[in-house]
Amino acid sequence: MLRVVVGGGCYLGVLGVFALVMGLVMRASAGAITACICLTFILPLTFRALSDLGVLLIKWWPTEAGQRILDLVPATRYLAPLPGLGWFAVCTLVALIGAISRVSRRDA
């Protein structure tokens, strides 16, 4: 239970940084909010309709992998909770580095 409570806070923190990355890249708050909702909720729902390919995409999709930290009983077809959150954090960090370099070149 402690993993779920602490991990939930960590997941929301990483998700906030992910939203910041989207805002930096898009430079429009409405577009960034829409993109974050699509990437977090709508796109994984479409993956579920793709059968075997969808299972593979959901397993490695960063926001879905990070959400596994909220599972009390980890499922075998997804990443484990801590590696899933780590994968989401690494993907967000790589995107943040790319967004910062893009903004520094664009706004220089």
N, C-alpha and C. Protein backbone atom coordinates (compact mmCIF):
# COMPACT_ATOMS: atom_id res chain seq x y z
N MET A 1 0.81 -1.19 0.00
CA MET A 1 0.00 0.00 0.00
C MET A 1 0.87 1.27 0.00
N LEU A 2 1.99 1.21 0.69
CA LEU A 2 2.88 2.36 0.74
C LEU A 2 3.43 2.67 -0.66
N ARG A 3 3.74 1.63 -1.43
CA ARG A 3 4.23 1.82 -2.79
C ARG A 3 3.20 2.55 -3.64
N VAL A 4 1.93 2.21 -3.47
CA VAL A 4 0.87 2.84 -4.27
C VAL A 4 0.70 4.31 -3.88
N VAL A 5 0.76 4.61 -2.60
CA VAL A 5 0.56 6.00 -2.16
C VAL A 5 1.74 6.88 -2.57
N VAL A 6 2.95 6.43 -2.28
CA VAL A 6 4.13 7.22 -2.64
C VAL A 6 4.30 7.24 -4.16
N GLY A 7 4.10 6.10 -4.80
CA GLY A 7 4.22 6.02 -6.24
C GLY A 7 3.19 6.86 -6.96
N GLY A 8 1.99 6.97 -6.39
CA GLY A 8 0.96 7.81 -7.00
C GLY A 8 1.39 9.27 -7.04
N GLY A 9 2.00 9.73 -5.96
CA GLY A 9 2.52 11.11 -5.95
C GLY A 9 3.64 11.30 -6.95
N CYS A 10 4.53 10.30 -7.03
CA CYS A 10 5.63 10.37 -8.01
C CYS A 10 5.09 10.36 -9.44
N TYR A 11 4.09 9.51 -9.68
CA TYR A 11 3.50 9.44 -11.02
C TYR A 11 2.88 10.78 -11.41
N LEU A 12 2.15 11.40 -10.50
CA LEU A 12 1.55 12.69 -10.81
C LEU A 12 2.60 13.78 -11.01
N GLY A 13 3.70 13.70 -10.28
CA GLY A 13 4.79 14.65 -10.48
C GLY A 13 5.42 14.51 -11.86
N VAL A 14 5.69 13.26 -12.27
CA VAL A 14 6.26 13.02 -13.60
C VAL A 14 5.26 13.42 -14.68
N LEU A 15 3.98 13.16 -14.44
CA LEU A 15 2.95 13.55 -15.40
C LEU A 15 2.89 15.08 -15.53
N GLY A 16 3.10 15.80 -14.45
CA GLY A 16 3.15 17.25 -14.51
C GLY A 16 4.33 17.76 -15.33
N VAL A 17 5.48 17.10 -15.18
CA VAL A 17 6.65 17.47 -15.99
C VAL A 17 6.40 17.14 -17.46
N PHE A 18 5.71 16.01 -17.70
CA PHE A 18 5.34 15.64 -19.07
C PHE A 18 4.44 16.72 -19.69
N ALA A 19 3.50 17.23 -18.92
CA ALA A 19 2.62 18.29 -19.41
C ALA A 19 3.42 19.57 -19.66
N LEU A 20 4.41 19.85 -18.83
CA LEU A 20 5.27 21.00 -19.04
C LEU A 20 6.04 20.86 -20.35
N VAL A 21 6.53 19.66 -20.63
CA VAL A 21 7.23 19.40 -21.89
C VAL A 21 6.31 19.68 -23.07
N MET A 22 5.09 19.21 -22.99
CA MET A 22 4.15 19.44 -24.08
C MET A 22 3.89 20.94 -24.25
N GLY A 23 3.78 21.66 -23.16
CA GLY A 23 3.59 23.10 -23.24
C GLY A 23 4.78 23.81 -23.85
N LEU A 24 6.00 23.36 -23.51
CA LEU A 24 7.19 23.98 -24.09
C LEU A 24 7.28 23.73 -25.59
N VAL A 25 6.95 22.53 -26.00
CA VAL A 25 7.06 22.18 -27.42
C VAL A 25 5.98 22.88 -28.23
N MET A 26 4.75 22.89 -27.72
CA MET A 26 3.64 23.42 -28.52
C MET A 26 3.47 24.93 -28.40
N ARG A 27 3.93 25.51 -27.31
CA ARG A 27 3.81 26.95 -27.04
C ARG A 27 2.37 27.45 -27.06
N ALA A 28 1.44 26.57 -26.81
CA ALA A 28 0.02 26.94 -26.73
C ALA A 28 -0.61 26.07 -25.64
N SER A 29 -1.20 26.71 -24.66
CA SER A 29 -1.70 25.95 -23.52
C SER A 29 -2.87 25.05 -23.91
N ALA A 30 -3.77 25.52 -24.75
CA ALA A 30 -4.91 24.69 -25.14
C ALA A 30 -4.46 23.47 -25.95
N GLY A 31 -3.52 23.67 -26.84
CA GLY A 31 -3.00 22.56 -27.62
C GLY A 31 -2.24 21.56 -26.75
N ALA A 32 -1.49 22.07 -25.77
CA ALA A 32 -0.74 21.19 -24.88
C ALA A 32 -1.68 20.36 -24.01
N ILE A 33 -2.74 20.96 -23.52
CA ILE A 33 -3.71 20.22 -22.72
C ILE A 33 -4.38 19.14 -23.56
N THR A 34 -4.76 19.48 -24.77
CA THR A 34 -5.38 18.51 -25.66
C THR A 34 -4.42 17.36 -25.99
N ALA A 35 -3.18 17.70 -26.27
CA ALA A 35 -2.19 16.66 -26.59
C ALA A 35 -1.94 15.75 -25.39
N CYS A 36 -1.86 16.32 -24.20
CA CYS A 36 -1.64 15.50 -23.00
C CYS A 36 -2.80 14.56 -22.75
N ILE A 37 -4.01 15.02 -22.92
CA ILE A 37 -5.17 14.16 -22.72
C ILE A 37 -5.19 13.06 -23.77
N CYS A 38 -4.88 13.41 -25.01
CA CYS A 38 -4.85 12.39 -26.06
C CYS A 38 -3.77 11.35 -25.79
N LEU A 39 -2.58 11.78 -25.42
CA LEU A 39 -1.47 10.85 -25.20
C LEU A 39 -1.64 10.02 -23.93
N THR A 40 -2.37 10.55 -22.95
CA THR A 40 -2.52 9.84 -21.68
C THR A 40 -3.74 8.94 -21.66
N PHE A 41 -4.84 9.37 -22.24
CA PHE A 41 -6.09 8.61 -22.12
C PHE A 41 -6.61 8.04 -23.43
N ILE A 42 -6.67 8.84 -24.47
CA ILE A 42 -7.36 8.42 -25.70
C ILE A 42 -6.53 7.45 -26.53
N LEU A 43 -5.25 7.73 -26.73
CA LEU A 43 -4.40 6.85 -27.53
C LEU A 43 -4.28 5.44 -26.93
N PRO A 44 -4.10 5.29 -25.60
CA PRO A 44 -4.09 3.92 -25.04
C PRO A 44 -5.42 3.18 -25.23
N LEU A 45 -6.53 3.90 -25.26
CA LEU A 45 -7.81 3.25 -25.53
C LEU A 45 -7.86 2.70 -26.96
N THR A 46 -7.26 3.44 -27.89
CA THR A 46 -7.23 2.94 -29.27
C THR A 46 -6.27 1.76 -29.39
N PHE A 47 -5.23 1.73 -28.60
CA PHE A 47 -4.31 0.59 -28.63
C PHE A 47 -5.02 -0.70 -28.22
N ARG A 48 -5.97 -0.60 -27.32
CA ARG A 48 -6.67 -1.79 -26.83
C ARG A 48 -7.48 -2.47 -27.94
N ALA A 49 -7.79 -1.74 -28.99
CA ALA A 49 -8.55 -2.31 -30.10
C ALA A 49 -7.66 -3.02 -31.12
N LEU A 50 -6.34 -2.99 -30.93
CA LEU A 50 -5.42 -3.55 -31.91
C LEU A 50 -4.95 -4.97 -31.60
N SER A 51 -5.55 -5.65 -30.68
CA SER A 51 -5.24 -7.03 -30.26
C SER A 51 -3.79 -7.19 -29.83
N ASP A 52 -3.01 -8.06 -30.48
CA ASP A 52 -1.66 -8.37 -30.02
C ASP A 52 -0.71 -7.18 -30.10
N LEU A 53 -0.79 -6.44 -31.18
CA LEU A 53 0.05 -5.24 -31.31
C LEU A 53 -0.32 -4.22 -30.24
N GLY A 54 -1.61 -4.11 -29.95
CA GLY A 54 -2.06 -3.18 -28.92
C GLY A 54 -1.54 -3.53 -27.55
N VAL A 55 -1.47 -4.82 -27.24
CA VAL A 55 -0.94 -5.26 -25.94
C VAL A 55 0.53 -4.85 -25.81
N LEU A 56 1.29 -5.03 -26.89
CA LEU A 56 2.70 -4.63 -26.87
C LEU A 56 2.85 -3.12 -26.74
N LEU A 57 2.03 -2.37 -27.46
CA LEU A 57 2.11 -0.91 -27.39
C LEU A 57 1.70 -0.40 -26.00
N ILE A 58 0.68 -0.99 -25.43
CA ILE A 58 0.25 -0.57 -24.10
C ILE A 58 1.32 -0.89 -23.06
N LYS A 59 1.97 -2.02 -23.21
CA LYS A 59 3.01 -2.41 -22.25
C LYS A 59 4.13 -1.38 -22.20
N TRP A 60 4.53 -0.84 -23.35
CA TRP A 60 5.65 0.07 -23.40
C TRP A 60 5.27 1.54 -23.56
N TRP A 61 3.97 1.85 -23.64
CA TRP A 61 3.56 3.25 -23.74
C TRP A 61 3.90 3.93 -22.41
N PRO A 62 4.62 5.05 -22.42
CA PRO A 62 5.14 5.62 -21.17
C PRO A 62 4.09 5.95 -20.11
N THR A 63 2.99 6.58 -20.49
CA THR A 63 2.00 6.93 -19.47
C THR A 63 1.30 5.70 -18.90
N GLU A 64 1.08 4.70 -19.72
CA GLU A 64 0.47 3.46 -19.24
C GLU A 64 1.44 2.69 -18.35
N ALA A 65 2.72 2.67 -18.71
CA ALA A 65 3.72 2.00 -17.88
C ALA A 65 3.84 2.68 -16.53
N GLY A 66 3.76 4.00 -16.51
CA GLY A 66 3.82 4.73 -15.24
C GLY A 66 2.61 4.49 -14.36
N GLN A 67 1.45 4.29 -14.98
CA GLN A 67 0.23 4.04 -14.20
C GLN A 67 0.25 2.71 -13.47
N ARG A 68 1.13 1.81 -13.85
CA ARG A 68 1.22 0.51 -13.18
C ARG A 68 1.64 0.64 -11.73
N ILE A 69 2.21 1.77 -11.34
CA ILE A 69 2.59 1.99 -9.95
C ILE A 69 1.34 2.06 -9.06
N LEU A 70 0.19 2.35 -9.67
CA LEU A 70 -1.06 2.47 -8.92
C LEU A 70 -1.77 1.14 -8.73
N ASP A 71 -1.27 0.06 -9.34
CA ASP A 71 -1.89 -1.26 -9.21
C ASP A 71 -1.49 -1.91 -7.89
N LEU A 72 -2.49 -2.36 -7.14
CA LEU A 72 -2.18 -3.08 -5.90
C LEU A 72 -1.60 -4.45 -6.19
N VAL A 73 -2.16 -5.13 -7.20
CA VAL A 73 -1.67 -6.44 -7.63
C VAL A 73 -1.15 -6.27 -9.06
N PRO A 74 0.16 -6.33 -9.26
CA PRO A 74 0.71 -6.13 -10.61
C PRO A 74 0.25 -7.23 -11.58
N ALA A 75 -0.11 -6.83 -12.78
CA ALA A 75 -0.51 -7.77 -13.83
C ALA A 75 0.75 -8.26 -14.56
N THR A 76 0.71 -9.47 -15.04
CA THR A 76 1.89 -10.05 -15.69
C THR A 76 2.08 -9.55 -17.11
N ARG A 77 1.03 -9.06 -17.75
CA ARG A 77 1.20 -8.64 -19.15
C ARG A 77 1.69 -7.20 -19.29
N TYR A 78 1.85 -6.49 -18.17
CA TYR A 78 2.38 -5.13 -18.19
C TYR A 78 3.76 -5.12 -17.55
N LEU A 79 4.43 -3.99 -17.62
CA LEU A 79 5.68 -3.84 -16.90
C LEU A 79 5.40 -3.86 -15.40
N ALA A 80 6.39 -4.24 -14.62
CA ALA A 80 6.26 -4.20 -13.17
C ALA A 80 6.11 -2.74 -12.72
N PRO A 81 5.56 -2.50 -11.54
CA PRO A 81 5.27 -1.11 -11.13
C PRO A 81 6.47 -0.17 -11.11
N LEU A 82 7.55 -0.54 -10.44
CA LEU A 82 8.70 0.37 -10.35
C LEU A 82 9.42 0.55 -11.69
N PRO A 83 9.68 -0.53 -12.44
CA PRO A 83 10.27 -0.30 -13.77
C PRO A 83 9.35 0.50 -14.70
N GLY A 84 8.05 0.33 -14.57
CA GLY A 84 7.13 1.10 -15.39
C GLY A 84 7.20 2.59 -15.10
N LEU A 85 7.25 2.93 -13.81
CA LEU A 85 7.39 4.34 -13.43
C LEU A 85 8.74 4.87 -13.87
N GLY A 86 9.77 4.04 -13.75
CA GLY A 86 11.09 4.45 -14.21
C GLY A 86 11.13 4.70 -15.71
N TRP A 87 10.47 3.84 -16.48
CA TRP A 87 10.39 4.02 -17.94
C TRP A 87 9.69 5.33 -18.28
N PHE A 88 8.61 5.63 -17.59
CA PHE A 88 7.88 6.87 -17.82
C PHE A 88 8.76 8.07 -17.46
N ALA A 89 9.51 7.98 -16.36
CA ALA A 89 10.38 9.08 -15.95
C ALA A 89 11.52 9.28 -16.96
N VAL A 90 12.09 8.20 -17.46
CA VAL A 90 13.18 8.32 -18.44
C VAL A 90 12.66 8.93 -19.74
N CYS A 91 11.52 8.46 -20.21
CA CYS A 91 10.93 9.03 -21.44
C CYS A 91 10.62 10.51 -21.27
N THR A 92 10.12 10.89 -20.10
CA THR A 92 9.81 12.29 -19.83
C THR A 92 11.09 13.12 -19.75
N LEU A 93 12.14 12.56 -19.15
CA LEU A 93 13.41 13.28 -19.06
C LEU A 93 14.03 13.50 -20.43
N VAL A 94 13.97 12.49 -21.29
CA VAL A 94 14.49 12.63 -22.65
C VAL A 94 13.69 13.70 -23.41
N ALA A 95 12.37 13.67 -23.27
CA ALA A 95 11.53 14.67 -23.92
C ALA A 95 11.80 16.07 -23.37
N LEU A 96 12.06 16.17 -22.06
CA LEU A 96 12.36 17.47 -21.45
C LEU A 96 13.67 18.03 -21.97
N ILE A 97 14.68 17.20 -22.10
CA ILE A 97 15.96 17.65 -22.65
C ILE A 97 15.78 18.12 -24.09
N GLY A 98 15.02 17.38 -24.88
CA GLY A 98 14.74 17.80 -26.25
C GLY A 98 13.96 19.10 -26.31
N ALA A 99 12.99 19.26 -25.43
CA ALA A 99 12.18 20.48 -25.43
C ALA A 99 13.00 21.69 -25.00
N ILE A 100 13.86 21.50 -24.01
CA ILE A 100 14.70 22.62 -23.56
C ILE A 100 15.67 23.04 -24.65
N SER A 101 16.26 22.06 -25.34
CA SER A 101 17.19 22.43 -26.42
C SER A 101 16.45 23.11 -27.57
N ARG A 102 15.24 22.67 -27.84
CA ARG A 102 14.46 23.30 -28.91
C ARG A 102 14.06 24.72 -28.55
N VAL A 103 13.64 24.91 -27.31
CA VAL A 103 13.23 26.27 -26.88
C VAL A 103 14.43 27.20 -26.83
N SER A 104 15.59 26.69 -26.38
CA SER A 104 16.76 27.56 -26.30
C SER A 104 17.24 27.97 -27.70
N ARG A 105 17.11 27.09 -28.69
CA ARG A 105 17.49 27.47 -30.06
C ARG A 105 16.46 28.39 -30.69
N ARG A 106 15.19 28.13 -30.41
CA ARG A 106 14.11 28.90 -31.04
C ARG A 106 14.00 30.31 -30.46
N ASP A 107 14.20 30.44 -29.15
CA ASP A 107 14.01 31.72 -28.50
C ASP A 107 15.31 32.47 -28.26
N ALA A 108 16.40 32.02 -28.83
CA ALA A 108 17.70 32.66 -28.58
C ALA A 108 17.84 33.96 -29.34
